[in-house]
Amino acid sequence: PQGLDDMLEDMDKANVGKDVIMSIDTYASQHWALQKSMLSNDEVAKLVARYPDRFIGYGSVDPRRKDAVEETERCIK
């Protein structure tokens, strides 16, 4: 698996100034929840805060969550 430093290096080599990173909310799906390579909304937010000039964050909320509205509002704020 590629690490963050490798990704930034690849972006530099390809002259990519900014990249969109996104989470995939797998809250309601046990199958996908086991995928360790996916980022959470909080992890995306941390990466964007750390590298605001390199990443644009895009969150995701599984609409089957009981707290989908609240999670959406939290992510927006």
Protein backbone atom coordinates (compact mmCIF):
# COMPACT_ATOMS: atom_id res chain seq x y z
CA PRO A 1 0.00 0.00 0.00
CA GLN A 2 1.11 3.49 -0.78
CA GLY A 3 1.77 5.88 2.08
CA LEU A 4 1.05 9.57 2.28
CA ASP A 5 4.62 10.60 1.50
CA ASP A 6 4.58 8.38 -1.60
CA MET A 7 1.29 9.90 -2.70
CA LEU A 8 2.60 13.45 -2.32
CA GLU A 9 5.75 12.49 -4.22
CA ASP A 10 3.67 10.98 -7.04
CA MET A 11 1.53 14.11 -7.14
CA ASP A 12 4.66 16.25 -7.45
CA LYS A 13 6.07 14.06 -10.24
CA ALA A 14 2.79 14.33 -12.15
CA ASN A 15 2.53 18.09 -11.54
CA VAL A 16 -0.68 17.65 -9.57
CA GLY A 17 -1.07 20.61 -7.26
CA LYS A 18 -4.22 19.51 -5.47
CA ASP A 19 -6.03 16.24 -5.17
CA VAL A 20 -9.49 15.33 -3.92
CA ILE A 21 -9.52 12.76 -1.14
CA MET A 22 -12.70 11.23 0.13
CA SER A 23 -14.05 8.90 2.70
CA ILE A 24 -16.47 6.09 2.07
CA ASP A 25 -18.89 5.73 4.96
CA THR A 26 -19.39 2.03 5.50
CA TYR A 27 -21.23 2.35 8.78
CA ALA A 28 -24.21 0.21 7.72
CA SER A 29 -22.23 -2.43 5.84
CA GLN A 30 -20.14 -4.93 7.79
CA HIS A 31 -18.49 -6.21 4.59
CA TRP A 32 -17.03 -2.84 3.64
CA ALA A 33 -16.27 -1.91 7.23
CA LEU A 34 -13.49 -4.49 7.18
CA GLN A 35 -11.62 -2.63 4.45
CA LYS A 36 -8.69 -1.07 6.32
CA SER A 37 -7.51 1.10 3.42
CA MET A 38 -10.55 3.39 3.48
CA LEU A 39 -10.39 6.75 5.22
CA SER A 40 -13.00 7.98 7.66
CA ASN A 41 -14.48 11.47 7.46
CA ASP A 42 -12.33 12.47 10.43
CA GLU A 43 -9.15 11.15 8.78
CA VAL A 44 -9.94 13.09 5.60
CA ALA A 45 -10.50 16.24 7.67
CA LYS A 46 -7.15 15.76 9.43
CA LEU A 47 -5.29 15.35 6.13
CA VAL A 48 -6.93 18.46 4.66
CA ALA A 49 -6.08 20.43 7.82
CA ARG A 50 -2.48 19.21 7.63
CA TYR A 51 -2.09 19.85 3.88
CA PRO A 52 -4.71 22.45 2.90
CA ASP A 53 -2.72 23.46 -0.15
CA ARG A 54 -2.57 19.85 -1.43
CA PHE A 55 -5.93 18.23 -0.62
CA ILE A 56 -9.60 18.97 -1.05
CA GLY A 57 -11.70 16.87 1.30
CA TYR A 58 -14.90 15.12 0.31
CA GLY A 59 -16.91 13.36 2.99
CA SER A 60 -19.46 10.62 2.76
CA VAL A 61 -22.38 9.55 4.91
CA ASP A 62 -24.25 6.29 4.53
CA PRO A 63 -27.93 7.33 4.35
CA ARG A 64 -28.88 4.13 6.21
CA ARG A 65 -27.24 5.44 9.38
CA LYS A 66 -29.68 6.40 12.11
CA ASP A 67 -27.58 9.54 12.64
CA ALA A 68 -27.07 10.33 8.93
CA VAL A 69 -28.41 13.89 9.20
CA GLU A 70 -26.33 14.64 12.28
CA GLU A 71 -23.16 13.15 10.72
CA THR A 72 -23.72 15.17 7.54
CA GLU A 73 -24.08 18.37 9.53
CA ARG A 74 -21.01 17.51 11.64
CA CYS A 75 -18.91 16.92 8.54
CA ILE A 76 -20.00 20.19 6.96
CA LYS A 77 -19.01 22.13 10.06
